[in-house]
Amino acid sequence: MSKTKTITLIAAILIFSVACLQTEILYTPTAPPPASTPALTKAPPALENQENPAGAVFWPITPAPLCATVTAIEALHLRAEPSEKAEHIQYLMSGEQVTVLDPAGRWWKVETAAGRTGYANSKFMEASKCQSQ
């Protein structure tokens, strides 16, 4: 193979590789993708669930739930606000699993299996795989 053909082939492969990396995952069906489909690239709000000029349909991402298990020795206070001085709503027992709604900072906003929402100190919780409910 000549040097020119080799350089042309390598350039074509690089261009194709870059194009593949920049391509968003799009679906063209008229129904949302099945739940087993991997996460999709979120479309801009103006294009969400609408056809774009190329004919592809964007579908919004549904993030997988984030769960945590209480690691406190006995129990952990669930509070109404993210503060140690906030009203105590209920106890979260050691080993209890909760759904994490907002894992920002020291206080995580969580939801219990009973549907109660509040804040728990992340120091006494550990991220865990969600158990099917």
C-alpha atoms as a PDB file:
ATOM      1  CA  MET A   1       0.000   0.000   0.000  1.00  0.00           C
ATOM      2  CA  SER A   2       1.372   3.393  -0.883  1.00  0.00           C
ATOM      3  CA  LYS A   3       2.131   6.040   1.710  1.00  0.00           C
ATOM      4  CA  THR A   4      -0.649   8.308   0.352  1.00  0.00           C
ATOM      5  CA  LYS A   5      -3.281   5.550   0.585  1.00  0.00           C
ATOM      6  CA  THR A   6      -2.175   4.707   4.134  1.00  0.00           C
ATOM      7  CA  ILE A   7      -2.433   8.343   5.243  1.00  0.00           C
ATOM      8  CA  THR A   8      -5.842   8.684   3.553  1.00  0.00           C
ATOM      9  CA  LEU A   9      -7.100   5.512   5.264  1.00  0.00           C
ATOM     10  CA  ILE A  10      -5.881   6.657   8.688  1.00  0.00           C
ATOM     11  CA  ALA A  11      -7.457  10.107   8.190  1.00  0.00           C
ATOM     12  CA  ALA A  12     -10.771   8.503   7.194  1.00  0.00           C
ATOM     13  CA  ILE A  13     -10.735   6.258  10.271  1.00  0.00           C
ATOM     14  CA  LEU A  14      -9.994   9.223  12.556  1.00  0.00           C
ATOM     15  CA  ILE A  15     -12.768  11.335  11.026  1.00  0.00           C
ATOM     16  CA  PHE A  16     -15.228   8.441  11.345  1.00  0.00           C
ATOM     17  CA  SER A  17     -14.177   7.832  14.972  1.00  0.00           C
ATOM     18  CA  VAL A  18     -14.657  11.487  15.935  1.00  0.00           C
ATOM     19  CA  ALA A  19     -18.044  11.561  14.191  1.00  0.00           C
ATOM     20  CA  CYS A  20     -19.139   8.465  16.121  1.00  0.00           C
ATOM     21  CA  LEU A  21     -18.085   9.994  19.436  1.00  0.00           C
ATOM     22  CA  GLN A  22     -20.086  13.142  18.768  1.00  0.00           C
ATOM     23  CA  THR A  23     -23.248  11.373  17.603  1.00  0.00           C
ATOM     24  CA  GLU A  24     -26.133  11.386  20.064  1.00  0.00           C
ATOM     25  CA  ILE A  25     -28.155   8.245  20.594  1.00  0.00           C
ATOM     26  CA  LEU A  26     -31.434   8.872  18.791  1.00  0.00           C
ATOM     27  CA  TYR A  27     -34.531   6.794  18.212  1.00  0.00           C
ATOM     28  CA  THR A  28     -36.950   7.122  15.337  1.00  0.00           C
ATOM     29  CA  PRO A  29     -39.942   5.149  16.632  1.00  0.00           C
ATOM     30  CA  THR A  30     -43.153   6.923  17.608  1.00  0.00           C
ATOM     31  CA  ALA A  31     -43.239   5.259  21.045  1.00  0.00           C
ATOM     32  CA  PRO A  32     -40.736   5.695  23.904  1.00  0.00           C
ATOM     33  CA  PRO A  33     -37.861   3.198  23.988  1.00  0.00           C
ATOM     34  CA  PRO A  34     -38.290   0.124  26.215  1.00  0.00           C
ATOM     35  CA  ALA A  35     -37.188   0.345  29.864  1.00  0.00           C
ATOM     36  CA  SER A  36     -34.258  -1.982  29.155  1.00  0.00           C
ATOM     37  CA  THR A  37     -32.743   0.562  26.730  1.00  0.00           C
ATOM     38  CA  PRO A  38     -29.591   2.264  28.070  1.00  0.00           C
ATOM     39  CA  ALA A  39     -29.798   5.922  29.094  1.00  0.00           C
ATOM     40  CA  LEU A  40     -30.274   8.283  26.157  1.00  0.00           C
ATOM     41  CA  THR A  41     -28.794  11.690  25.578  1.00  0.00           C
ATOM     42  CA  LYS A  42     -31.261  14.286  26.808  1.00  0.00           C
ATOM     43  CA  ALA A  43     -32.546  16.573  24.091  1.00  0.00           C
ATOM     44  CA  PRO A  44     -32.846  20.326  24.504  1.00  0.00           C
ATOM     45  CA  PRO A  45     -36.279  21.237  25.972  1.00  0.00           C
ATOM     46  CA  ALA A  46     -37.454  22.618  22.614  1.00  0.00           C
ATOM     47  CA  LEU A  47     -36.879  19.219  20.953  1.00  0.00           C
ATOM     48  CA  GLU A  48     -37.973  16.922  23.768  1.00  0.00           C
ATOM     49  CA  ASN A  49     -40.500  14.364  22.479  1.00  0.00           C
ATOM     50  CA  GLN A  50     -40.645  16.167  19.137  1.00  0.00           C
ATOM     51  CA  GLU A  51     -39.241  15.357  15.746  1.00  0.00           C
ATOM     52  CA  ASN A  52     -36.158  17.281  14.705  1.00  0.00           C
ATOM     53  CA  PRO A  53     -35.412  18.277  11.099  1.00  0.00           C
ATOM     54  CA  ALA A  54     -33.506  15.010  10.517  1.00  0.00           C
ATOM     55  CA  GLY A  55     -36.588  12.993  11.513  1.00  0.00           C
ATOM     56  CA  ALA A  56     -35.200  11.506  14.745  1.00  0.00           C
ATOM     57  CA  VAL A  57     -37.282  11.526  17.927  1.00  0.00           C
ATOM     58  CA  PHE A  58     -35.679  12.433  21.266  1.00  0.00           C
ATOM     59  CA  TRP A  59     -36.929  10.844  24.498  1.00  0.00           C
ATOM     60  CA  PRO A  60     -36.169  12.220  27.957  1.00  0.00           C
ATOM     61  CA  ILE A  61     -33.822  10.337  30.265  1.00  0.00           C
ATOM     62  CA  THR A  62     -35.348   8.622  33.278  1.00  0.00           C
ATOM     63  CA  PRO A  63     -32.477   8.302  35.753  1.00  0.00           C
ATOM     64  CA  ALA A  64     -32.108   5.108  37.721  1.00  0.00           C
ATOM     65  CA  PRO A  65     -33.076   5.569  41.375  1.00  0.00           C
ATOM     66  CA  LEU A  66     -30.252   6.079  43.870  1.00  0.00           C
ATOM     67  CA  CYS A  67     -30.615   4.235  47.157  1.00  0.00           C
ATOM     68  CA  ALA A  68     -28.777   4.266  50.467  1.00  0.00           C
ATOM     69  CA  THR A  69     -28.660   2.012  53.496  1.00  0.00           C
ATOM     70  CA  VAL A  70     -28.601   3.447  57.015  1.00  0.00           C
ATOM     71  CA  THR A  71     -25.283   2.558  58.681  1.00  0.00           C
ATOM     72  CA  ALA A  72     -25.917   4.188  62.073  1.00  0.00           C
ATOM     73  CA  ILE A  73     -25.349   1.848  65.020  1.00  0.00           C
ATOM     74  CA  GLU A  74     -29.015   1.806  66.060  1.00  0.00           C
ATOM     75  CA  ALA A  75     -31.057   4.471  64.288  1.00  0.00           C
ATOM     76  CA  LEU A  76     -30.822   7.766  62.449  1.00  0.00           C
ATOM     77  CA  HIS A  77     -33.087  10.808  62.734  1.00  0.00           C
ATOM     78  CA  LEU A  78     -35.070  11.749  59.642  1.00  0.00           C
ATOM     79  CA  ARG A  79     -35.504  15.517  59.834  1.00  0.00           C
ATOM     80  CA  ALA A  80     -37.859  18.051  58.231  1.00  0.00           C
ATOM     81  CA  GLU A  81     -34.972  20.354  57.165  1.00  0.00           C
ATOM     82  CA  PRO A  82     -31.247  19.795  56.521  1.00  0.00           C
ATOM     83  CA  SER A  83     -30.110  20.711  60.042  1.00  0.00           C
ATOM     84  CA  GLU A  84     -29.460  19.007  63.389  1.00  0.00           C
ATOM     85  CA  LYS A  85     -31.808  21.558  64.955  1.00  0.00           C
ATOM     86  CA  ALA A  86     -34.672  20.759  62.563  1.00  0.00           C
ATOM     87  CA  GLU A  87     -37.783  18.888  63.666  1.00  0.00           C
ATOM     88  CA  HIS A  88     -37.306  15.125  64.023  1.00  0.00           C
ATOM     89  CA  ILE A  89     -39.849  13.329  61.791  1.00  0.00           C
ATOM     90  CA  GLN A  90     -39.059   9.673  62.463  1.00  0.00           C
ATOM     91  CA  TYR A  91     -36.235   7.208  63.066  1.00  0.00           C
ATOM     92  CA  LEU A  92     -34.495   5.343  60.252  1.00  0.00           C
ATOM     93  CA  MET A  93     -33.382   2.004  61.639  1.00  0.00           C
ATOM     94  CA  SER A  94     -29.899   0.599  61.024  1.00  0.00           C
ATOM     95  CA  GLY A  95     -29.927  -1.424  57.783  1.00  0.00           C
ATOM     96  CA  GLU A  96     -33.074   0.301  56.473  1.00  0.00           C
ATOM     97  CA  GLN A  97     -32.930   1.278  52.805  1.00  0.00           C
ATOM     98  CA  VAL A  98     -34.165   4.637  51.548  1.00  0.00           C
ATOM     99  CA  THR A  99     -34.387   6.261  48.116  1.00  0.00           C
ATOM    100  CA  VAL A 100     -32.045   9.239  47.787  1.00  0.00           C
ATOM    101  CA  LEU A 101     -33.779  12.187  46.121  1.00  0.00           C
ATOM    102  CA  ASP A 102     -30.901  14.675  46.441  1.00  0.00           C
ATOM    103  CA  PRO A 103     -27.427  13.481  47.511  1.00  0.00           C
ATOM    104  CA  ALA A 104     -25.956  16.973  47.829  1.00  0.00           C
ATOM    105  CA  GLY A 105     -23.616  17.766  50.698  1.00  0.00           C
ATOM    106  CA  ARG A 106     -23.873  16.584  54.284  1.00  0.00           C
ATOM    107  CA  TRP A 107     -27.667  16.254  54.329  1.00  0.00           C
ATOM    108  CA  TRP A 108     -29.313  13.941  51.806  1.00  0.00           C
ATOM    109  CA  LYS A 109     -32.971  14.378  50.943  1.00  0.00           C
ATOM    110  CA  VAL A 110     -34.443  10.867  51.153  1.00  0.00           C
ATOM    111  CA  GLU A 111     -37.758   9.060  50.861  1.00  0.00           C
ATOM    112  CA  THR A 112     -38.608   6.100  53.073  1.00  0.00           C
ATOM    113  CA  ALA A 113     -40.358   2.931  51.891  1.00  0.00           C
ATOM    114  CA  ALA A 114     -43.538   4.346  53.462  1.00  0.00           C
ATOM    115  CA  GLY A 115     -43.277   7.451  51.259  1.00  0.00           C
ATOM    116  CA  ARG A 116     -42.166   9.924  53.943  1.00  0.00           C
ATOM    117  CA  THR A 117     -39.654  12.530  52.719  1.00  0.00           C
ATOM    118  CA  GLY A 118     -37.029  14.239  54.852  1.00  0.00           C
ATOM    119  CA  TYR A 119     -33.325  14.851  55.392  1.00  0.00           C
ATOM    120  CA  ALA A 120     -30.746  12.460  56.847  1.00  0.00           C
ATOM    121  CA  ASN A 121     -27.087  12.996  57.693  1.00  0.00           C
ATOM    122  CA  SER A 122     -25.041  11.336  54.921  1.00  0.00           C
ATOM    123  CA  LYS A 123     -22.309  10.483  57.449  1.00  0.00           C
ATOM    124  CA  PHE A 124     -24.534   7.644  58.662  1.00  0.00           C
ATOM    125  CA  MET A 125     -25.620   6.369  55.252  1.00  0.00           C
ATOM    126  CA  GLU A 126     -23.972   4.366  52.498  1.00  0.00           C
ATOM    127  CA  ALA A 127     -24.972   4.293  48.834  1.00  0.00           C
ATOM    128  CA  SER A 128     -26.348   0.864  47.934  1.00  0.00           C
ATOM    129  CA  LYS A 129     -28.029  -1.020  45.111  1.00  0.00           C
ATOM    130  CA  CYS A 130     -31.776  -0.491  45.184  1.00  0.00           C
ATOM    131  CA  GLN A 131     -33.805  -3.511  46.184  1.00  0.00           C
ATOM    132  CA  SER A 132     -36.956  -4.055  44.131  1.00  0.00           C
ATOM    133  CA  GLN A 133     -40.017  -3.039  46.080  1.00  0.00           C
END
